[in-house]
Amino acid sequence: MYFLFVVCLGVAVRRGKGDVFYLLGALGFGLVLEYIEVISDMGYTYGRFVAMLGRAPLDIPFYIGVGWGIIIYRARLFSERLGLSL
C-alpha cells in the first residue's frame, strides 16, 4: 500500500504542486472518513498495526487512509483522462 502511495506521489510531483496537494488532501479525507466510521459505530475496532492514529479503542491504521488516498487520486486521474466533466 505504501509503495503504491509513493508511486502516486511521484506521479503527482511530476504533474505539479496542485496534484500533490490533491493527493495529500485525499489522504487526509480518507483518514477522517475512516475515523468517523469508527467513532460512529462504537462496536467496531481495528486490530493492532505498526502505524496507528488515535487512541485505543478509537484508533485507525494509517494504511487505511493511504488506501483511500490512492483510490481517490487514481479515480480523479482516470476521469480526467476520459475527459469527463464535473
PDB file of N, CA and C in Angstrom:
ATOM      1  N   MET A   1       0.834  -1.181   0.000  1.00  0.00           N
ATOM      2  CA  MET A   1       0.000   0.000   0.000  1.00  0.00           C
ATOM      3  C   MET A   1       0.885   1.254   0.000  1.00  0.00           C
ATOM      4  N   TYR A   2       1.898   1.221   0.875  1.00  0.00           N
ATOM      5  CA  TYR A   2       2.771   2.391   0.966  1.00  0.00           C
ATOM      6  C   TYR A   2       3.569   2.588  -0.323  1.00  0.00           C
ATOM      7  N   PHE A   3       3.973   1.485  -0.956  1.00  0.00           N
ATOM      8  CA  PHE A   3       4.686   1.587  -2.232  1.00  0.00           C
ATOM      9  C   PHE A   3       3.809   2.243  -3.298  1.00  0.00           C
ATOM     10  N   LEU A   4       2.545   1.846  -3.374  1.00  0.00           N
ATOM     11  CA  LEU A   4       1.632   2.452  -4.346  1.00  0.00           C
ATOM     12  C   LEU A   4       1.426   3.937  -4.069  1.00  0.00           C
ATOM     13  N   PHE A   5       1.407   4.313  -2.786  1.00  0.00           N
ATOM     14  CA  PHE A   5       1.279   5.725  -2.448  1.00  0.00           C
ATOM     15  C   PHE A   5       2.497   6.503  -2.912  1.00  0.00           C
ATOM     16  N   VAL A   6       3.684   5.932  -2.757  1.00  0.00           N
ATOM     17  CA  VAL A   6       4.910   6.594  -3.221  1.00  0.00           C
ATOM     18  C   VAL A   6       4.886   6.739  -4.747  1.00  0.00           C
ATOM     19  N   VAL A   7       4.385   5.731  -5.444  1.00  0.00           N
ATOM     20  CA  VAL A   7       4.252   5.821  -6.907  1.00  0.00           C
ATOM     21  C   VAL A   7       3.291   6.956  -7.273  1.00  0.00           C
ATOM     22  N   CYS A   8       2.141   7.018  -6.607  1.00  0.00           N
ATOM     23  CA  CYS A   8       1.175   8.098  -6.864  1.00  0.00           C
ATOM     24  C   CYS A   8       1.770   9.454  -6.525  1.00  0.00           C
ATOM     25  N   LEU A   9       2.558   9.519  -5.466  1.00  0.00           N
ATOM     26  CA  LEU A   9       3.204  10.774  -5.095  1.00  0.00           C
ATOM     27  C   LEU A   9       4.204  11.202  -6.159  1.00  0.00           C
ATOM     28  N   GLY A  10       4.927  10.248  -6.728  1.00  0.00           N
ATOM     29  CA  GLY A  10       5.845  10.556  -7.827  1.00  0.00           C
ATOM     30  C   GLY A  10       5.109  11.105  -9.047  1.00  0.00           C
ATOM     31  N   VAL A  11       3.976  10.501  -9.371  1.00  0.00           N
ATOM     32  CA  VAL A  11       3.157  10.996 -10.480  1.00  0.00           C
ATOM     33  C   VAL A  11       2.653  12.398 -10.180  1.00  0.00           C
ATOM     34  N   ALA A  12       2.213  12.611  -8.952  1.00  0.00           N
ATOM     35  CA  ALA A  12       1.676  13.915  -8.563  1.00  0.00           C
ATOM     36  C   ALA A  12       2.751  14.990  -8.614  1.00  0.00           C
ATOM     37  N   VAL A  13       3.957  14.657  -8.195  1.00  0.00           N
ATOM     38  CA  VAL A  13       5.064  15.633  -8.241  1.00  0.00           C
ATOM     39  C   VAL A  13       5.348  16.021  -9.683  1.00  0.00           C
ATOM     40  N   ARG A  14       5.358  15.051 -10.575  1.00  0.00           N
ATOM     41  CA  ARG A  14       5.593  15.361 -11.998  1.00  0.00           C
ATOM     42  C   ARG A  14       4.471  16.192 -12.604  1.00  0.00           C
ATOM     43  N   ARG A  15       3.260  16.031 -12.109  1.00  0.00           N
ATOM     44  CA  ARG A  15       2.119  16.764 -12.663  1.00  0.00           C
ATOM     45  C   ARG A  15       1.983  18.165 -12.072  1.00  0.00           C
ATOM     46  N   GLY A  16       2.608  18.417 -10.925  1.00  0.00           N
ATOM     47  CA  GLY A  16       2.568  19.768 -10.368  1.00  0.00           C
ATOM     48  C   GLY A  16       2.116  19.806  -8.914  1.00  0.00           C
ATOM     49  N   LYS A  17       2.301  20.974  -8.327  1.00  0.00           N
ATOM     50  CA  LYS A  17       2.004  21.175  -6.915  1.00  0.00           C
ATOM     51  C   LYS A  17       0.526  20.928  -6.595  1.00  0.00           C
ATOM     52  N   GLY A  18      -0.355  21.297  -7.500  1.00  0.00           N
ATOM     53  CA  GLY A  18      -1.782  21.092  -7.268  1.00  0.00           C
ATOM     54  C   GLY A  18      -2.128  19.627  -7.080  1.00  0.00           C
ATOM     55  N   ASP A  19      -1.496  18.755  -7.849  1.00  0.00           N
ATOM     56  CA  ASP A  19      -1.757  17.319  -7.721  1.00  0.00           C
ATOM     57  C   ASP A  19      -1.209  16.765  -6.407  1.00  0.00           C
ATOM     58  N   VAL A  20      -0.070  17.282  -5.972  1.00  0.00           N
ATOM     59  CA  VAL A  20       0.487  16.843  -4.690  1.00  0.00           C
ATOM     60  C   VAL A  20      -0.477  17.199  -3.568  1.00  0.00           C
ATOM     61  N   PHE A  21      -1.002  18.432  -3.589  1.00  0.00           N
ATOM     62  CA  PHE A  21      -1.958  18.847  -2.562  1.00  0.00           C
ATOM     63  C   PHE A  21      -3.241  18.031  -2.654  1.00  0.00           C
ATOM     64  N   TYR A  22      -3.662  17.694  -3.854  1.00  0.00           N
ATOM     65  CA  TYR A  22      -4.868  16.885  -4.028  1.00  0.00           C
ATOM     66  C   TYR A  22      -4.663  15.492  -3.417  1.00  0.00           C
ATOM     67  N   LEU A  23      -3.515  14.886  -3.686  1.00  0.00           N
ATOM     68  CA  LEU A  23      -3.224  13.559  -3.148  1.00  0.00           C
ATOM     69  C   LEU A  23      -3.153  13.594  -1.628  1.00  0.00           C
ATOM     70  N   LEU A  24      -2.484  14.583  -1.073  1.00  0.00           N
ATOM     71  CA  LEU A  24      -2.396  14.697   0.384  1.00  0.00           C
ATOM     72  C   LEU A  24      -3.761  14.998   0.998  1.00  0.00           C
ATOM     73  N   GLY A  25      -4.568  15.785   0.301  1.00  0.00           N
ATOM     74  CA  GLY A  25      -5.934  16.042   0.754  1.00  0.00           C
ATOM     75  C   GLY A  25      -6.772  14.783   0.725  1.00  0.00           C
ATOM     76  N   ALA A  26      -6.587  13.960  -0.302  1.00  0.00           N
ATOM     77  CA  ALA A  26      -7.312  12.685  -0.386  1.00  0.00           C
ATOM     78  C   ALA A  26      -6.885  11.762   0.750  1.00  0.00           C
ATOM     79  N   LEU A  27      -5.606  11.776   1.103  1.00  0.00           N
ATOM     80  CA  LEU A  27      -5.119  11.003   2.241  1.00  0.00           C
ATOM     81  C   LEU A  27      -5.794  11.477   3.530  1.00  0.00           C
ATOM     82  N   GLY A  28      -5.815  12.785   3.739  1.00  0.00           N
ATOM     83  CA  GLY A  28      -6.461  13.340   4.920  1.00  0.00           C
ATOM     84  C   GLY A  28      -7.941  13.022   4.965  1.00  0.00           C
ATOM     85  N   PHE A  29      -8.607  13.131   3.828  1.00  0.00           N
ATOM     86  CA  PHE A  29     -10.030  12.806   3.751  1.00  0.00           C
ATOM     87  C   PHE A  29     -10.268  11.339   4.095  1.00  0.00           C
ATOM     88  N   GLY A  30      -9.423  10.452   3.589  1.00  0.00           N
ATOM     89  CA  GLY A  30      -9.559   9.035   3.890  1.00  0.00           C
ATOM     90  C   GLY A  30      -9.392   8.742   5.371  1.00  0.00           C
ATOM     91  N   LEU A  31      -8.454   9.428   6.011  1.00  0.00           N
ATOM     92  CA  LEU A  31      -8.251   9.234   7.447  1.00  0.00           C
ATOM     93  C   LEU A  31      -9.454   9.729   8.240  1.00  0.00           C
ATOM     94  N   VAL A  32      -9.955  10.897   7.883  1.00  0.00           N
ATOM     95  CA  VAL A  32     -11.118  11.454   8.583  1.00  0.00           C
ATOM     96  C   VAL A  32     -12.340  10.562   8.348  1.00  0.00           C
ATOM     97  N   LEU A  33     -12.527  10.130   7.120  1.00  0.00           N
ATOM     98  CA  LEU A  33     -13.659   9.256   6.799  1.00  0.00           C
ATOM     99  C   LEU A  33     -13.628   7.981   7.627  1.00  0.00           C
ATOM    100  N   GLU A  34     -12.471   7.368   7.720  1.00  0.00           N
ATOM    101  CA  GLU A  34     -12.360   6.123   8.479  1.00  0.00           C
ATOM    102  C   GLU A  34     -12.528   6.365   9.974  1.00  0.00           C
ATOM    103  N   TYR A  35     -12.005   7.471  10.462  1.00  0.00           N
ATOM    104  CA  TYR A  35     -12.141   7.783  11.892  1.00  0.00           C
ATOM    105  C   TYR A  35     -13.604   8.016  12.263  1.00  0.00           C
ATOM    106  N   ILE A  36     -14.324   8.736  11.395  1.00  0.00           N
ATOM    107  CA  ILE A  36     -15.747   8.965  11.642  1.00  0.00           C
ATOM    108  C   ILE A  36     -16.511   7.647  11.634  1.00  0.00           C
ATOM    109  N   GLU A  37     -16.139   6.756  10.760  1.00  0.00           N
ATOM    110  CA  GLU A  37     -16.778   5.435  10.715  1.00  0.00           C
ATOM    111  C   GLU A  37     -16.561   4.684  12.029  1.00  0.00           C
ATOM    112  N   VAL A  38     -15.359   4.744  12.557  1.00  0.00           N
ATOM    113  CA  VAL A  38     -15.048   4.029  13.794  1.00  0.00           C
ATOM    114  C   VAL A  38     -15.786   4.644  14.980  1.00  0.00           C
ATOM    115  N   ILE A  39     -15.819   5.979  15.070  1.00  0.00           N
ATOM    116  CA  ILE A  39     -16.471   6.579  16.236  1.00  0.00           C
ATOM    117  C   ILE A  39     -17.995   6.524  16.145  1.00  0.00           C
ATOM    118  N   SER A  40     -18.527   6.413  14.933  1.00  0.00           N
ATOM    119  CA  SER A  40     -19.986   6.345  14.807  1.00  0.00           C
ATOM    120  C   SER A  40     -20.526   4.948  15.094  1.00  0.00           C
ATOM    121  N   ASP A  41     -19.701   3.935  14.933  1.00  0.00           N
ATOM    122  CA  ASP A  41     -20.104   2.552  15.224  1.00  0.00           C
ATOM    123  C   ASP A  41     -19.227   2.050  16.364  1.00  0.00           C
ATOM    124  N   MET A  42     -19.649   2.324  17.588  1.00  0.00           N
ATOM    125  CA  MET A  42     -18.815   2.058  18.761  1.00  0.00           C
ATOM    126  C   MET A  42     -18.442   0.582  18.930  1.00  0.00           C
ATOM    127  N   GLY A  43     -19.069  -0.310  18.234  1.00  0.00           N
ATOM    128  CA  GLY A  43     -18.757  -1.725  18.364  1.00  0.00           C
ATOM    129  C   GLY A  43     -17.601  -2.164  17.487  1.00  0.00           C
ATOM    130  N   TYR A  44     -17.128  -1.298  16.590  1.00  0.00           N
ATOM    131  CA  TYR A  44     -16.103  -1.692  15.628  1.00  0.00           C
ATOM    132  C   TYR A  44     -14.755  -1.122  16.040  1.00  0.00           C
ATOM    133  N   THR A  45     -13.749  -1.966  16.125  1.00  0.00           N
ATOM    134  CA  THR A  45     -12.381  -1.522  16.391  1.00  0.00           C
ATOM    135  C   THR A  45     -11.430  -2.289  15.489  1.00  0.00           C
ATOM    136  N   TYR A  46     -10.292  -1.687  15.222  1.00  0.00           N
ATOM    137  CA  TYR A  46      -9.248  -2.344  14.436  1.00  0.00           C
ATOM    138  C   TYR A  46      -8.327  -3.124  15.344  1.00  0.00           C
ATOM    139  N   GLY A  47      -7.610  -4.068  14.757  1.00  0.00           N
ATOM    140  CA  GLY A  47      -6.552  -4.762  15.487  1.00  0.00           C
ATOM    141  C   GLY A  47      -5.350  -3.841  15.640  1.00  0.00           C
ATOM    142  N   ARG A  48      -4.247  -4.379  16.062  1.00  0.00           N
ATOM    143  CA  ARG A  48      -3.036  -3.590  16.259  1.00  0.00           C
ATOM    144  C   ARG A  48      -2.173  -3.662  15.003  1.00  0.00           C
ATOM    145  N   PHE A  49      -1.787  -2.482  14.491  1.00  0.00           N
ATOM    146  CA  PHE A  49      -0.899  -2.378  13.341  1.00  0.00           C
ATOM    147  C   PHE A  49       0.283  -1.512  13.723  1.00  0.00           C
ATOM    148  N   VAL A  50       1.307  -1.471  12.896  1.00  0.00           N
ATOM    149  CA  VAL A  50       2.521  -0.704  13.199  1.00  0.00           C
ATOM    150  C   VAL A  50       2.214   0.779  13.327  1.00  0.00           C
ATOM    151  N   ALA A  51       1.539   1.339  12.361  1.00  0.00           N
ATOM    152  CA  ALA A  51       1.240   2.782  12.363  1.00  0.00           C
ATOM    153  C   ALA A  51      -0.251   2.986  12.613  1.00  0.00           C
ATOM    154  N   MET A  52      -0.582   3.400  13.828  1.00  0.00           N
ATOM    155  CA  MET A  52      -1.966   3.655  14.203  1.00  0.00           C
ATOM    156  C   MET A  52      -2.130   5.128  14.549  1.00  0.00           C
ATOM    157  N   LEU A  53      -3.295   5.700  14.228  1.00  0.00           N
ATOM    158  CA  LEU A  53      -3.603   7.082  14.567  1.00  0.00           C
ATOM    159  C   LEU A  53      -4.763   7.106  15.540  1.00  0.00           C
ATOM    160  N   GLY A  54      -4.658   7.911  16.579  1.00  0.00           N
ATOM    161  CA  GLY A  54      -5.705   8.000  17.584  1.00  0.00           C
ATOM    162  C   GLY A  54      -5.348   7.178  18.805  1.00  0.00           C
ATOM    163  N   ARG A  55      -6.302   7.100  19.719  1.00  0.00           N
ATOM    164  CA  ARG A  55      -6.117   6.319  20.946  1.00  0.00           C
ATOM    165  C   ARG A  55      -7.082   5.151  20.956  1.00  0.00           C
ATOM    166  N   ALA A  56      -6.590   4.040  21.446  1.00  0.00           N
ATOM    167  CA  ALA A  56      -7.424   2.847  21.525  1.00  0.00           C
ATOM    168  C   ALA A  56      -8.614   3.128  22.435  1.00  0.00           C
ATOM    169  N   PRO A  57      -9.773   2.620  22.173  1.00  0.00           N
ATOM    170  CA  PRO A  57     -10.122   1.721  21.077  1.00  0.00           C
ATOM    171  C   PRO A  57     -10.557   2.458  19.809  1.00  0.00           C
ATOM    172  N   LEU A  58     -10.462   3.777  19.786  1.00  0.00           N
ATOM    173  CA  LEU A  58     -10.908   4.539  18.613  1.00  0.00           C
ATOM    174  C   LEU A  58      -9.745   4.929  17.716  1.00  0.00           C
ATOM    175  N   ASP A  59      -8.813   4.041  17.508  1.00  0.00           N
ATOM    176  CA  ASP A  59      -7.688   4.338  16.637  1.00  0.00           C
ATOM    177  C   ASP A  59      -7.853   3.618  15.306  1.00  0.00           C
ATOM    178  N   ILE A  60      -7.176   4.140  14.301  1.00  0.00           N
ATOM    179  CA  ILE A  60      -7.283   3.567  12.954  1.00  0.00           C
ATOM    180  C   ILE A  60      -5.888   3.352  12.389  1.00  0.00           C
ATOM    181  N   PRO A  61      -5.704   2.337  11.554  1.00  0.00           N
ATOM    182  CA  PRO A  61      -4.418   2.126  10.905  1.00  0.00           C
ATOM    183  C   PRO A  61      -4.174   3.212   9.846  1.00  0.00           C
ATOM    184  N   PHE A  62      -2.954   3.699   9.779  1.00  0.00           N
ATOM    185  CA  PHE A  62      -2.606   4.740   8.822  1.00  0.00           C
ATOM    186  C   PHE A  62      -2.786   4.259   7.380  1.00  0.00           C
ATOM    187  N   TYR A  63      -2.527   2.981   7.143  1.00  0.00           N
ATOM    188  CA  TYR A  63      -2.616   2.482   5.766  1.00  0.00           C
ATOM    189  C   TYR A  63      -4.033   2.553   5.193  1.00  0.00           C
ATOM    190  N   ILE A  64      -5.056   2.586   6.046  1.00  0.00           N
ATOM    191  CA  ILE A  64      -6.432   2.719   5.550  1.00  0.00           C
ATOM    192  C   ILE A  64      -6.596   4.073   4.858  1.00  0.00           C
ATOM    193  N   GLY A  65      -6.097   5.136   5.482  1.00  0.00           N
ATOM    194  CA  GLY A  65      -6.129   6.461   4.858  1.00  0.00           C
ATOM    195  C   GLY A  65      -5.305   6.512   3.595  1.00  0.00           C
ATOM    196  N   VAL A  66      -4.173   5.821   3.600  1.00  0.00           N
ATOM    197  CA  VAL A  66      -3.318   5.758   2.414  1.00  0.00           C
ATOM    198  C   VAL A  66      -4.072   5.091   1.267  1.00  0.00           C
ATOM    199  N   GLY A  67      -4.764   4.018   1.566  1.00  0.00           N
ATOM    200  CA  GLY A  67      -5.554   3.331   0.533  1.00  0.00           C
ATOM    201  C   GLY A  67      -6.642   4.218  -0.043  1.00  0.00           C
ATOM    202  N   TRP A  68      -7.364   4.926   0.820  1.00  0.00           N
ATOM    203  CA  TRP A  68      -8.386   5.856   0.342  1.00  0.00           C
ATOM    204  C   TRP A  68      -7.755   6.947  -0.517  1.00  0.00           C
ATOM    205  N   GLY A  69      -6.609   7.454  -0.107  1.00  0.00           N
ATOM    206  CA  GLY A  69      -5.932   8.491  -0.890  1.00  0.00           C
ATOM    207  C   GLY A  69      -5.583   8.007  -2.294  1.00  0.00           C
ATOM    208  N   ILE A  70      -5.076   6.788  -2.380  1.00  0.00           N
ATOM    209  CA  ILE A  70      -4.728   6.208  -3.685  1.00  0.00           C
ATOM    210  C   ILE A  70      -5.976   6.065  -4.556  1.00  0.00           C
ATOM    211  N   ILE A  71      -7.038   5.533  -3.985  1.00  0.00           N
ATOM    212  CA  ILE A  71      -8.275   5.323  -4.754  1.00  0.00           C
ATOM    213  C   ILE A  71      -8.827   6.650  -5.264  1.00  0.00           C
ATOM    214  N   ILE A  72      -8.908   7.642  -4.402  1.00  0.00           N
ATOM    215  CA  ILE A  72      -9.468   8.941  -4.791  1.00  0.00           C
ATOM    216  C   ILE A  72      -8.605   9.608  -5.857  1.00  0.00           C
ATOM    217  N   TYR A  73      -7.293   9.587  -5.658  1.00  0.00           N
ATOM    218  CA  TYR A  73      -6.393  10.248  -6.617  1.00  0.00           C
ATOM    219  C   TYR A  73      -6.426   9.553  -7.978  1.00  0.00           C
ATOM    220  N   ARG A  74      -6.353   8.229  -7.989  1.00  0.00           N
ATOM    221  CA  ARG A  74      -6.361   7.496  -9.265  1.00  0.00           C
ATOM    222  C   ARG A  74      -7.713   7.635  -9.972  1.00  0.00           C
ATOM    223  N   ALA A  75      -8.811   7.680  -9.225  1.00  0.00           N
ATOM    224  CA  ALA A  75     -10.121   7.881  -9.848  1.00  0.00           C
ATOM    225  C   ALA A  75     -10.187   9.246 -10.519  1.00  0.00           C
ATOM    226  N   ARG A  76      -9.588  10.259  -9.876  1.00  0.00           N
ATOM    227  CA  ARG A  76      -9.551  11.595 -10.483  1.00  0.00           C
ATOM    228  C   ARG A  76      -8.742  11.578 -11.775  1.00  0.00           C
ATOM    229  N   LEU A  77      -7.575  10.926 -11.752  1.00  0.00           N
ATOM    230  CA  LEU A  77      -6.761  10.856 -12.963  1.00  0.00           C
ATOM    231  C   LEU A  77      -7.475  10.094 -14.069  1.00  0.00           C
ATOM    232  N   PHE A  78      -8.170   9.035 -13.709  1.00  0.00           N
ATOM    233  CA  PHE A  78      -8.902   8.230 -14.685  1.00  0.00           C
ATOM    234  C   PHE A  78     -10.023   9.042 -15.324  1.00  0.00           C
ATOM    235  N   SER A  79     -10.815   9.734 -14.515  1.00  0.00           N
ATOM    236  CA  SER A  79     -11.915  10.529 -15.065  1.00  0.00           C
ATOM    237  C   SER A  79     -11.389  11.704 -15.868  1.00  0.00           C
ATOM    238  N   GLU A  80     -10.265  12.276 -15.449  1.00  0.00           N
ATOM    239  CA  GLU A  80      -9.632  13.354 -16.202  1.00  0.00           C
ATOM    240  C   GLU A  80      -9.169  12.850 -17.566  1.00  0.00           C
ATOM    241  N   ARG A  81      -8.601  11.648 -17.585  1.00  0.00           N
ATOM    242  CA  ARG A  81      -8.100  11.058 -18.830  1.00  0.00           C
ATOM    243  C   ARG A  81      -9.238  10.784 -19.815  1.00  0.00           C
ATOM    244  N   LEU A  82     -10.412  10.422 -19.286  1.00  0.00           N
ATOM    245  CA  LEU A  82     -11.578  10.178 -20.143  1.00  0.00           C
ATOM    246  C   LEU A  82     -12.260  11.464 -20.608  1.00  0.00           C
ATOM    247  N   GLY A  83     -11.856  12.592 -20.006  1.00  0.00           N
ATOM    248  CA  GLY A  83     -12.450  13.861 -20.370  1.00  0.00           C
ATOM    249  C   GLY A  83     -13.830  14.073 -19.792  1.00  0.00           C
ATOM    250  N   LEU A  84     -14.107  13.421 -18.663  1.00  0.00           N
ATOM    251  CA  LEU A  84     -15.417  13.587 -18.038  1.00  0.00           C
ATOM    252  C   LEU A  84     -15.522  14.967 -17.399  1.00  0.00           C
ATOM    253  N   SER A  85     -16.681  15.556 -17.505  1.00  0.00           N
ATOM    254  CA  SER A  85     -16.882  16.869 -16.893  1.00  0.00           C
ATOM    255  C   SER A  85     -17.235  16.707 -15.418  1.00  0.00           C
ATOM    256  N   LEU A  86     -17.145  17.811 -14.672  1.00  0.00           N
ATOM    257  CA  LEU A  86     -17.510  17.748 -13.262  1.00  0.00           C
ATOM    258  C   LEU A  86     -18.962  17.348 -13.110  1.00  0.00           C
TER     259      LEU A  86
END
